[in-house]
Amino acid sequence: MNMKKHRKLIIFLTVIIVLTAGFFIYFAIGYHPDAKALAAMHSTDTVTVSEVETGWLFDGPSDTTAFIFYPGSKVDPESYAPLLSQIAAGGADVFLVKMPLRFALFDMDKAGDITGSYDYDSWFIGGHSLGGYAASAYAADHAGEFSGVILYASYITDDLPSGLPLLLLYGTEDGVLNMDKVMKSKEKAADCRIVEIRGGNHAQFGSYGRQRRDSDASISPEEQWDVTVRESLAFMGAGGAAGEVV
């Protein structure tokens, strides 16, 4: 091999190494569960938390209704434990999905592994931010398997079949979410309920601290979770709605 070809090979391999390293560094840096989230990963008198093949199951008093939840991009799934534990306690078991490299688009079909392995009368699917988008895309292609889609600080881009209702919640102080796409979700779902949480932001659907580009919330995480839990359970047929519809 002459020197010119040798240099080109070295440059090519260097570029590949840099790109590969950058890829893994990008996904390695993310958001991690705080003390509240880690505490909520433990079982209570009402909810049993167990590790399953697809992630974790928050098993509450219900044996008829289940909610499959896709985490947001680069967020450790355990960060959503405080919210999901409350939903499970209120009447809908929750499957918290663990995604490759914490990126739901890498395995959007993971819900199928869950619905094919467990027996519930009603299945709901959703998620936070990019995880919600991925969940809604899966639901659009498997509408007959679900009773509804629940999104937190997210939106849909694929039309949902008329028989598949959508619940979408967002905080007024969200500095990350594209609100134009949120409002366009109304046009893509025949049955759409959009709920505005006054004072809520993007990150407080989870429990992982401040998120880049997000605005400060003017309510506590507990207050944001309270509205989210009640709206979600009401949508799934287990509770009363609480937020402001827009």
C-alpha atoms as a PDB file:
ATOM      1  CA  MET A   1       0.000   0.000   0.000  1.00  0.00           C
ATOM      2  CA  ASN A   2       1.444   3.392  -1.006  1.00  0.00           C
ATOM      3  CA  MET A   3       1.618   6.282   1.464  1.00  0.00           C
ATOM      4  CA  LYS A   4      -1.278   8.182  -0.123  1.00  0.00           C
ATOM      5  CA  LYS A   5      -3.678   5.234   0.207  1.00  0.00           C
ATOM      6  CA  HIS A   6      -2.362   4.575   3.691  1.00  0.00           C
ATOM      7  CA  ARG A   7      -3.143   8.129   4.776  1.00  0.00           C
ATOM      8  CA  LYS A   8      -6.656   7.918   3.311  1.00  0.00           C
ATOM      9  CA  LEU A   9      -7.273   4.692   5.199  1.00  0.00           C
ATOM     10  CA  ILE A  10      -6.062   6.268   8.444  1.00  0.00           C
ATOM     11  CA  ILE A  11      -8.307   9.301   7.905  1.00  0.00           C
ATOM     12  CA  PHE A  12     -11.300   7.083   7.112  1.00  0.00           C
ATOM     13  CA  LEU A  13     -10.786   4.929  10.217  1.00  0.00           C
ATOM     14  CA  THR A  14     -10.286   8.030  12.356  1.00  0.00           C
ATOM     15  CA  VAL A  15     -13.583   9.493  11.145  1.00  0.00           C
ATOM     16  CA  ILE A  16     -15.385   6.217  11.892  1.00  0.00           C
ATOM     17  CA  ILE A  17     -13.884   6.070  15.388  1.00  0.00           C
ATOM     18  CA  VAL A  18     -14.796   9.715  16.115  1.00  0.00           C
ATOM     19  CA  LEU A  19     -18.355   9.276  14.875  1.00  0.00           C
ATOM     20  CA  THR A  20     -18.808   6.056  16.836  1.00  0.00           C
ATOM     21  CA  ALA A  21     -17.386   7.605  19.981  1.00  0.00           C
ATOM     22  CA  GLY A  22     -19.598  10.655  19.530  1.00  0.00           C
ATOM     23  CA  PHE A  23     -22.659   8.449  19.113  1.00  0.00           C
ATOM     24  CA  PHE A  24     -22.054   6.604  22.363  1.00  0.00           C
ATOM     25  CA  ILE A  25     -21.058   9.762  24.249  1.00  0.00           C
ATOM     26  CA  TYR A  26     -24.274  11.474  23.115  1.00  0.00           C
ATOM     27  CA  PHE A  27     -26.467   8.691  24.438  1.00  0.00           C
ATOM     28  CA  ALA A  28     -24.360   8.128  27.552  1.00  0.00           C
ATOM     29  CA  ILE A  29     -25.019  11.682  28.738  1.00  0.00           C
ATOM     30  CA  GLY A  30     -28.571  11.982  29.938  1.00  0.00           C
ATOM     31  CA  TYR A  31     -30.952  12.367  32.839  1.00  0.00           C
ATOM     32  CA  HIS A  32     -30.924  10.175  35.900  1.00  0.00           C
ATOM     33  CA  PRO A  33     -33.482   9.379  38.615  1.00  0.00           C
ATOM     34  CA  ASP A  34     -33.331  11.468  41.764  1.00  0.00           C
ATOM     35  CA  ALA A  35     -33.892  10.211  45.318  1.00  0.00           C
ATOM     36  CA  LYS A  36     -37.700  10.379  44.994  1.00  0.00           C
ATOM     37  CA  ALA A  37     -37.618   8.278  41.846  1.00  0.00           C
ATOM     38  CA  LEU A  38     -35.322   5.647  43.327  1.00  0.00           C
ATOM     39  CA  ALA A  39     -37.545   5.387  46.400  1.00  0.00           C
ATOM     40  CA  ALA A  40     -40.612   4.861  44.191  1.00  0.00           C
ATOM     41  CA  MET A  41     -38.926   1.878  42.527  1.00  0.00           C
ATOM     42  CA  HIS A  42     -39.594  -0.099  45.718  1.00  0.00           C
ATOM     43  CA  SER A  43     -42.842  -1.961  46.346  1.00  0.00           C
ATOM     44  CA  THR A  44     -45.492  -0.555  48.667  1.00  0.00           C
ATOM     45  CA  ASP A  45     -48.523  -2.039  50.391  1.00  0.00           C
ATOM     46  CA  THR A  46     -50.531  -1.188  47.246  1.00  0.00           C
ATOM     47  CA  VAL A  47     -48.097  -1.552  44.350  1.00  0.00           C
ATOM     48  CA  THR A  48     -45.608  -4.347  43.716  1.00  0.00           C
ATOM     49  CA  VAL A  49     -42.655  -3.292  41.571  1.00  0.00           C
ATOM     50  CA  SER A  50     -40.908  -6.134  39.781  1.00  0.00           C
ATOM     51  CA  GLU A  51     -38.360  -6.370  36.989  1.00  0.00           C
ATOM     52  CA  VAL A  52     -39.675  -8.051  33.848  1.00  0.00           C
ATOM     53  CA  GLU A  53     -38.102  -8.855  30.495  1.00  0.00           C
ATOM     54  CA  THR A  54     -39.140  -5.528  28.929  1.00  0.00           C
ATOM     55  CA  GLY A  55     -38.366  -3.329  31.954  1.00  0.00           C
ATOM     56  CA  TRP A  56     -40.505  -3.094  35.092  1.00  0.00           C
ATOM     57  CA  LEU A  57     -44.084  -3.823  36.085  1.00  0.00           C
ATOM     58  CA  PHE A  58     -45.917  -1.637  38.598  1.00  0.00           C
ATOM     59  CA  ASP A  59     -48.590  -4.086  39.676  1.00  0.00           C
ATOM     60  CA  GLY A  60     -51.428  -2.431  41.579  1.00  0.00           C
ATOM     61  CA  PRO A  61     -54.964  -3.509  42.509  1.00  0.00           C
ATOM     62  CA  SER A  62     -56.219  -3.703  38.909  1.00  0.00           C
ATOM     63  CA  ASP A  63     -56.273  -6.961  36.989  1.00  0.00           C
ATOM     64  CA  THR A  64     -58.180  -5.602  33.972  1.00  0.00           C
ATOM     65  CA  THR A  65     -56.402  -2.417  32.814  1.00  0.00           C
ATOM     66  CA  ALA A  66     -52.758  -1.862  31.859  1.00  0.00           C
ATOM     67  CA  PHE A  67     -50.723   1.102  30.609  1.00  0.00           C
ATOM     68  CA  ILE A  68     -47.508   0.630  28.587  1.00  0.00           C
ATOM     69  CA  PHE A  69     -45.157   3.587  29.087  1.00  0.00           C
ATOM     70  CA  TYR A  70     -42.237   4.632  26.849  1.00  0.00           C
ATOM     71  CA  PRO A  71     -39.673   6.970  28.549  1.00  0.00           C
ATOM     72  CA  GLY A  72     -38.374  10.193  27.045  1.00  0.00           C
ATOM     73  CA  SER A  73     -35.127  10.356  25.089  1.00  0.00           C
ATOM     74  CA  LYS A  74     -31.931   9.995  27.176  1.00  0.00           C
ATOM     75  CA  VAL A  75     -33.958   9.709  30.397  1.00  0.00           C
ATOM     76  CA  ASP A  76     -33.341   6.730  32.676  1.00  0.00           C
ATOM     77  CA  PRO A  77     -36.716   4.937  32.848  1.00  0.00           C
ATOM     78  CA  GLU A  78     -36.636   4.731  36.648  1.00  0.00           C
ATOM     79  CA  SER A  79     -37.058   8.517  36.654  1.00  0.00           C
ATOM     80  CA  TYR A  80     -40.782   8.068  36.018  1.00  0.00           C
ATOM     81  CA  ALA A  81     -41.403   5.794  38.993  1.00  0.00           C
ATOM     82  CA  PRO A  82     -43.168   8.382  41.233  1.00  0.00           C
ATOM     83  CA  LEU A  83     -45.778   9.113  38.567  1.00  0.00           C
ATOM     84  CA  LEU A  84     -46.247   5.538  37.397  1.00  0.00           C
ATOM     85  CA  SER A  85     -46.495   4.099  40.897  1.00  0.00           C
ATOM     86  CA  GLN A  86     -49.398   6.454  41.609  1.00  0.00           C
ATOM     87  CA  ILE A  87     -51.155   5.465  38.383  1.00  0.00           C
ATOM     88  CA  ALA A  88     -50.776   1.803  39.321  1.00  0.00           C
ATOM     89  CA  ALA A  89     -52.119   2.459  42.812  1.00  0.00           C
ATOM     90  CA  GLY A  90     -55.111   4.251  41.305  1.00  0.00           C
ATOM     91  CA  GLY A  91     -56.279   1.367  39.152  1.00  0.00           C
ATOM     92  CA  ALA A  92     -54.112   0.699  36.079  1.00  0.00           C
ATOM     93  CA  ASP A  93     -51.070  -1.564  36.141  1.00  0.00           C
ATOM     94  CA  VAL A  94     -48.091   0.064  34.412  1.00  0.00           C
ATOM     95  CA  PHE A  95     -45.345  -1.473  32.282  1.00  0.00           C
ATOM     96  CA  LEU A  96     -42.309   0.827  32.300  1.00  0.00           C
ATOM     97  CA  VAL A  97     -40.314  -0.031  29.192  1.00  0.00           C
ATOM     98  CA  LYS A  98     -36.508  -0.044  29.102  1.00  0.00           C
ATOM     99  CA  MET A  99     -35.291   1.091  25.677  1.00  0.00           C
ATOM    100  CA  PRO A 100     -31.923   0.512  23.940  1.00  0.00           C
ATOM    101  CA  LEU A 101     -29.627   3.453  24.728  1.00  0.00           C
ATOM    102  CA  ARG A 102     -32.647   5.166  26.356  1.00  0.00           C
ATOM    103  CA  PHE A 103     -34.073   5.984  22.938  1.00  0.00           C
ATOM    104  CA  ALA A 104     -37.586   4.726  22.178  1.00  0.00           C
ATOM    105  CA  LEU A 105     -37.202   4.979  18.399  1.00  0.00           C
ATOM    106  CA  PHE A 106     -34.648   2.149  18.558  1.00  0.00           C
ATOM    107  CA  ASP A 107     -37.327  -0.374  19.599  1.00  0.00           C
ATOM    108  CA  MET A 108     -40.777   1.082  18.985  1.00  0.00           C
ATOM    109  CA  ASP A 109     -42.323  -2.388  18.718  1.00  0.00           C
ATOM    110  CA  LYS A 110     -41.476  -3.381  22.287  1.00  0.00           C
ATOM    111  CA  ALA A 111     -45.111  -2.988  23.323  1.00  0.00           C
ATOM    112  CA  GLY A 112     -45.925  -6.060  21.270  1.00  0.00           C
ATOM    113  CA  ASP A 113     -43.743  -8.199  23.537  1.00  0.00           C
ATOM    114  CA  ILE A 114     -45.864  -7.036  26.475  1.00  0.00           C
ATOM    115  CA  THR A 115     -49.358  -7.365  24.998  1.00  0.00           C
ATOM    116  CA  GLY A 116     -48.428 -10.822  23.738  1.00  0.00           C
ATOM    117  CA  SER A 117     -47.275 -11.989  27.179  1.00  0.00           C
ATOM    118  CA  TYR A 118     -49.922 -10.622  29.571  1.00  0.00           C
ATOM    119  CA  ASP A 119     -53.711 -10.824  29.722  1.00  0.00           C
ATOM    120  CA  TYR A 120     -55.647  -7.594  30.367  1.00  0.00           C
ATOM    121  CA  ASP A 121     -59.088  -6.525  29.184  1.00  0.00           C
ATOM    122  CA  SER A 122     -57.945  -3.005  28.263  1.00  0.00           C
ATOM    123  CA  TRP A 123     -54.537  -1.884  27.057  1.00  0.00           C
ATOM    124  CA  PHE A 124     -53.378   1.734  26.884  1.00  0.00           C
ATOM    125  CA  ILE A 125     -50.056   2.972  25.534  1.00  0.00           C
ATOM    126  CA  GLY A 126     -48.168   6.242  25.796  1.00  0.00           C
ATOM    127  CA  GLY A 127     -45.089   7.971  27.067  1.00  0.00           C
ATOM    128  CA  HIS A 128     -43.199  11.171  27.712  1.00  0.00           C
ATOM    129  CA  SER A 129     -41.697  13.459  25.058  1.00  0.00           C
ATOM    130  CA  LEU A 130     -40.040  11.402  22.287  1.00  0.00           C
ATOM    131  CA  GLY A 131     -41.196   8.237  24.035  1.00  0.00           C
ATOM    132  CA  GLY A 132     -44.781   9.400  23.601  1.00  0.00           C
ATOM    133  CA  TYR A 133     -44.233  10.020  19.909  1.00  0.00           C
ATOM    134  CA  ALA A 134     -42.823   6.500  19.487  1.00  0.00           C
ATOM    135  CA  ALA A 135     -45.703   4.964  21.445  1.00  0.00           C
ATOM    136  CA  SER A 136     -48.308   6.800  19.371  1.00  0.00           C
ATOM    137  CA  ALA A 137     -46.642   5.689  16.137  1.00  0.00           C
ATOM    138  CA  TYR A 138     -46.812   2.079  17.312  1.00  0.00           C
ATOM    139  CA  ALA A 139     -50.445   2.507  18.358  1.00  0.00           C
ATOM    140  CA  ALA A 140     -51.373   3.928  14.954  1.00  0.00           C
ATOM    141  CA  ASP A 141     -50.184   0.679  13.349  1.00  0.00           C
ATOM    142  CA  HIS A 142     -51.764  -1.577  16.006  1.00  0.00           C
ATOM    143  CA  ALA A 143     -54.954   0.313  16.816  1.00  0.00           C
ATOM    144  CA  GLY A 144     -57.014  -2.822  17.420  1.00  0.00           C
ATOM    145  CA  GLU A 145     -54.840  -3.749  20.397  1.00  0.00           C
ATOM    146  CA  PHE A 146     -55.397  -0.552  22.407  1.00  0.00           C
ATOM    147  CA  SER A 147     -58.215   1.347  24.080  1.00  0.00           C
ATOM    148  CA  GLY A 148     -56.383   4.683  23.979  1.00  0.00           C
ATOM    149  CA  VAL A 149     -53.137   6.655  23.769  1.00  0.00           C
ATOM    150  CA  ILE A 150     -51.798   8.843  26.619  1.00  0.00           C
ATOM    151  CA  LEU A 151     -49.052  11.375  25.930  1.00  0.00           C
ATOM    152  CA  TYR A 152     -47.139  13.598  28.352  1.00  0.00           C
ATOM    153  CA  ALA A 153     -45.401  16.649  26.814  1.00  0.00           C
ATOM    154  CA  SER A 154     -45.539  14.988  23.408  1.00  0.00           C
ATOM    155  CA  TYR A 155     -47.533  14.911  20.172  1.00  0.00           C
ATOM    156  CA  ILE A 156     -48.570  12.639  17.322  1.00  0.00           C
ATOM    157  CA  THR A 157     -47.568  12.866  13.675  1.00  0.00           C
ATOM    158  CA  ASP A 158     -49.445   9.813  12.365  1.00  0.00           C
ATOM    159  CA  ASP A 159     -53.240   9.887  12.100  1.00  0.00           C
ATOM    160  CA  LEU A 160     -54.942   7.785  14.757  1.00  0.00           C
ATOM    161  CA  PRO A 161     -57.921   5.650  13.695  1.00  0.00           C
ATOM    162  CA  SER A 162     -61.301   7.082  14.720  1.00  0.00           C
ATOM    163  CA  GLY A 163     -61.818   4.397  17.346  1.00  0.00           C
ATOM    164  CA  LEU A 164     -58.569   5.194  19.180  1.00  0.00           C
ATOM    165  CA  PRO A 165     -58.906   8.166  21.580  1.00  0.00           C
ATOM    166  CA  LEU A 166     -55.988  10.393  22.556  1.00  0.00           C
ATOM    167  CA  LEU A 167     -55.216  12.135  25.842  1.00  0.00           C
ATOM    168  CA  LEU A 168     -52.400  14.698  25.705  1.00  0.00           C
ATOM    169  CA  LEU A 169     -51.128  16.604  28.752  1.00  0.00           C
ATOM    170  CA  TYR A 170     -48.561  19.390  28.820  1.00  0.00           C
ATOM    171  CA  GLY A 171     -47.363  22.084  31.223  1.00  0.00           C
ATOM    172  CA  THR A 172     -47.718  25.794  30.490  1.00  0.00           C
ATOM    173  CA  GLU A 173     -44.050  26.359  31.399  1.00  0.00           C
ATOM    174  CA  ASP A 174     -42.700  23.690  29.036  1.00  0.00           C
ATOM    175  CA  GLY A 175     -39.653  25.117  27.288  1.00  0.00           C
ATOM    176  CA  VAL A 176     -38.925  22.010  25.207  1.00  0.00           C
ATOM    177  CA  LEU A 177     -42.206  21.020  23.572  1.00  0.00           C
ATOM    178  CA  ASN A 178     -43.186  22.192  20.074  1.00  0.00           C
ATOM    179  CA  MET A 179     -46.648  23.609  20.771  1.00  0.00           C
ATOM    180  CA  ASP A 180     -47.582  23.895  17.089  1.00  0.00           C
ATOM    181  CA  LYS A 181     -47.245  20.124  16.797  1.00  0.00           C
ATOM    182  CA  VAL A 182     -49.253  19.648  19.974  1.00  0.00           C
ATOM    183  CA  MET A 183     -52.181  21.622  18.555  1.00  0.00           C
ATOM    184  CA  LYS A 184     -51.920  19.840  15.210  1.00  0.00           C
ATOM    185  CA  SER A 185     -52.484  16.593  17.098  1.00  0.00           C
ATOM    186  CA  LYS A 186     -56.146  17.608  17.296  1.00  0.00           C
ATOM    187  CA  GLU A 187     -56.345  17.268  13.530  1.00  0.00           C
ATOM    188  CA  LYS A 188     -54.844  13.776  13.572  1.00  0.00           C
ATOM    189  CA  ALA A 189     -57.093  12.169  16.195  1.00  0.00           C
ATOM    190  CA  ALA A 190     -60.880  12.114  15.871  1.00  0.00           C
ATOM    191  CA  ASP A 191     -61.222  11.792  19.653  1.00  0.00           C
ATOM    192  CA  CYS A 192     -58.631  14.075  21.254  1.00  0.00           C
ATOM    193  CA  ARG A 193     -58.502  15.609  24.740  1.00  0.00           C
ATOM    194  CA  ILE A 194     -55.660  18.086  25.349  1.00  0.00           C
ATOM    195  CA  VAL A 195     -55.140  19.124  28.964  1.00  0.00           C
ATOM    196  CA  GLU A 196     -53.065  22.106  30.051  1.00  0.00           C
ATOM    197  CA  ILE A 197     -51.385  21.863  33.451  1.00  0.00           C
ATOM    198  CA  ARG A 198     -50.987  25.396  34.776  1.00  0.00           C
ATOM    199  CA  GLY A 199     -47.432  25.939  36.026  1.00  0.00           C
ATOM    200  CA  GLY A 200     -46.108  22.551  34.921  1.00  0.00           C
ATOM    201  CA  ASN A 201     -43.037  22.086  32.748  1.00  0.00           C
ATOM    202  CA  HIS A 202     -41.441  19.382  30.615  1.00  0.00           C
ATOM    203  CA  ALA A 203     -39.216  17.564  33.099  1.00  0.00           C
ATOM    204  CA  GLN A 204     -41.666  17.299  35.995  1.00  0.00           C
ATOM    205  CA  PHE A 205     -43.584  14.433  34.406  1.00  0.00           C
ATOM    206  CA  GLY A 206     -40.502  12.538  35.576  1.00  0.00           C
ATOM    207  CA  SER A 207     -38.239  13.000  38.565  1.00  0.00           C
ATOM    208  CA  TYR A 208     -34.747  13.645  37.197  1.00  0.00           C
ATOM    209  CA  GLY A 209     -34.082  17.324  37.833  1.00  0.00           C
ATOM    210  CA  ARG A 210     -33.838  20.155  35.376  1.00  0.00           C
ATOM    211  CA  GLN A 211     -33.811  19.465  31.640  1.00  0.00           C
ATOM    212  CA  ARG A 212     -31.861  21.456  29.072  1.00  0.00           C
ATOM    213  CA  ARG A 213     -33.937  24.234  27.454  1.00  0.00           C
ATOM    214  CA  ASP A 214     -36.831  23.668  29.848  1.00  0.00           C
ATOM    215  CA  SER A 215     -38.396  26.534  31.799  1.00  0.00           C
ATOM    216  CA  ASP A 216     -38.874  26.649  35.558  1.00  0.00           C
ATOM    217  CA  ALA A 217     -42.145  25.207  36.811  1.00  0.00           C
ATOM    218  CA  SER A 218     -44.283  27.293  39.139  1.00  0.00           C
ATOM    219  CA  ILE A 219     -45.854  24.231  40.737  1.00  0.00           C
ATOM    220  CA  SER A 220     -44.207  21.323  42.534  1.00  0.00           C
ATOM    221  CA  PRO A 221     -43.582  17.936  40.877  1.00  0.00           C
ATOM    222  CA  GLU A 222     -46.170  16.467  43.245  1.00  0.00           C
ATOM    223  CA  GLU A 223     -48.816  18.906  41.999  1.00  0.00           C
ATOM    224  CA  GLN A 224     -47.991  18.101  38.382  1.00  0.00           C
ATOM    225  CA  TRP A 225     -48.111  14.367  39.082  1.00  0.00           C
ATOM    226  CA  ASP A 226     -51.442  14.765  40.875  1.00  0.00           C
ATOM    227  CA  VAL A 227     -53.138  16.293  37.815  1.00  0.00           C
ATOM    228  CA  THR A 228     -51.450  13.812  35.490  1.00  0.00           C
ATOM    229  CA  VAL A 229     -52.518  10.806  37.546  1.00  0.00           C
ATOM    230  CA  ARG A 230     -56.122  11.925  37.839  1.00  0.00           C
ATOM    231  CA  GLU A 231     -56.437  12.765  34.145  1.00  0.00           C
ATOM    232  CA  SER A 232     -54.789   9.516  33.092  1.00  0.00           C
ATOM    233  CA  LEU A 233     -56.955   7.365  35.356  1.00  0.00           C
ATOM    234  CA  ALA A 234     -60.115   9.174  34.256  1.00  0.00           C
ATOM    235  CA  PHE A 235     -59.175   8.537  30.617  1.00  0.00           C
ATOM    236  CA  MET A 236     -58.670   4.862  31.392  1.00  0.00           C
ATOM    237  CA  GLY A 237     -61.960   4.690  33.299  1.00  0.00           C
ATOM    238  CA  ALA A 238     -60.698   4.901  36.865  1.00  0.00           C
ATOM    239  CA  GLY A 239     -61.125   8.372  38.376  1.00  0.00           C
ATOM    240  CA  GLY A 240     -62.178  11.985  37.742  1.00  0.00           C
ATOM    241  CA  ALA A 241     -60.608  14.513  35.391  1.00  0.00           C
ATOM    242  CA  ALA A 242     -58.934  17.560  36.901  1.00  0.00           C
ATOM    243  CA  GLY A 243     -57.040  19.687  34.390  1.00  0.00           C
ATOM    244  CA  GLU A 244     -57.956  22.467  31.985  1.00  0.00           C
ATOM    245  CA  VAL A 245     -58.959  21.318  28.509  1.00  0.00           C
ATOM    246  CA  VAL A 246     -57.630  23.373  25.593  1.00  0.00           C
END
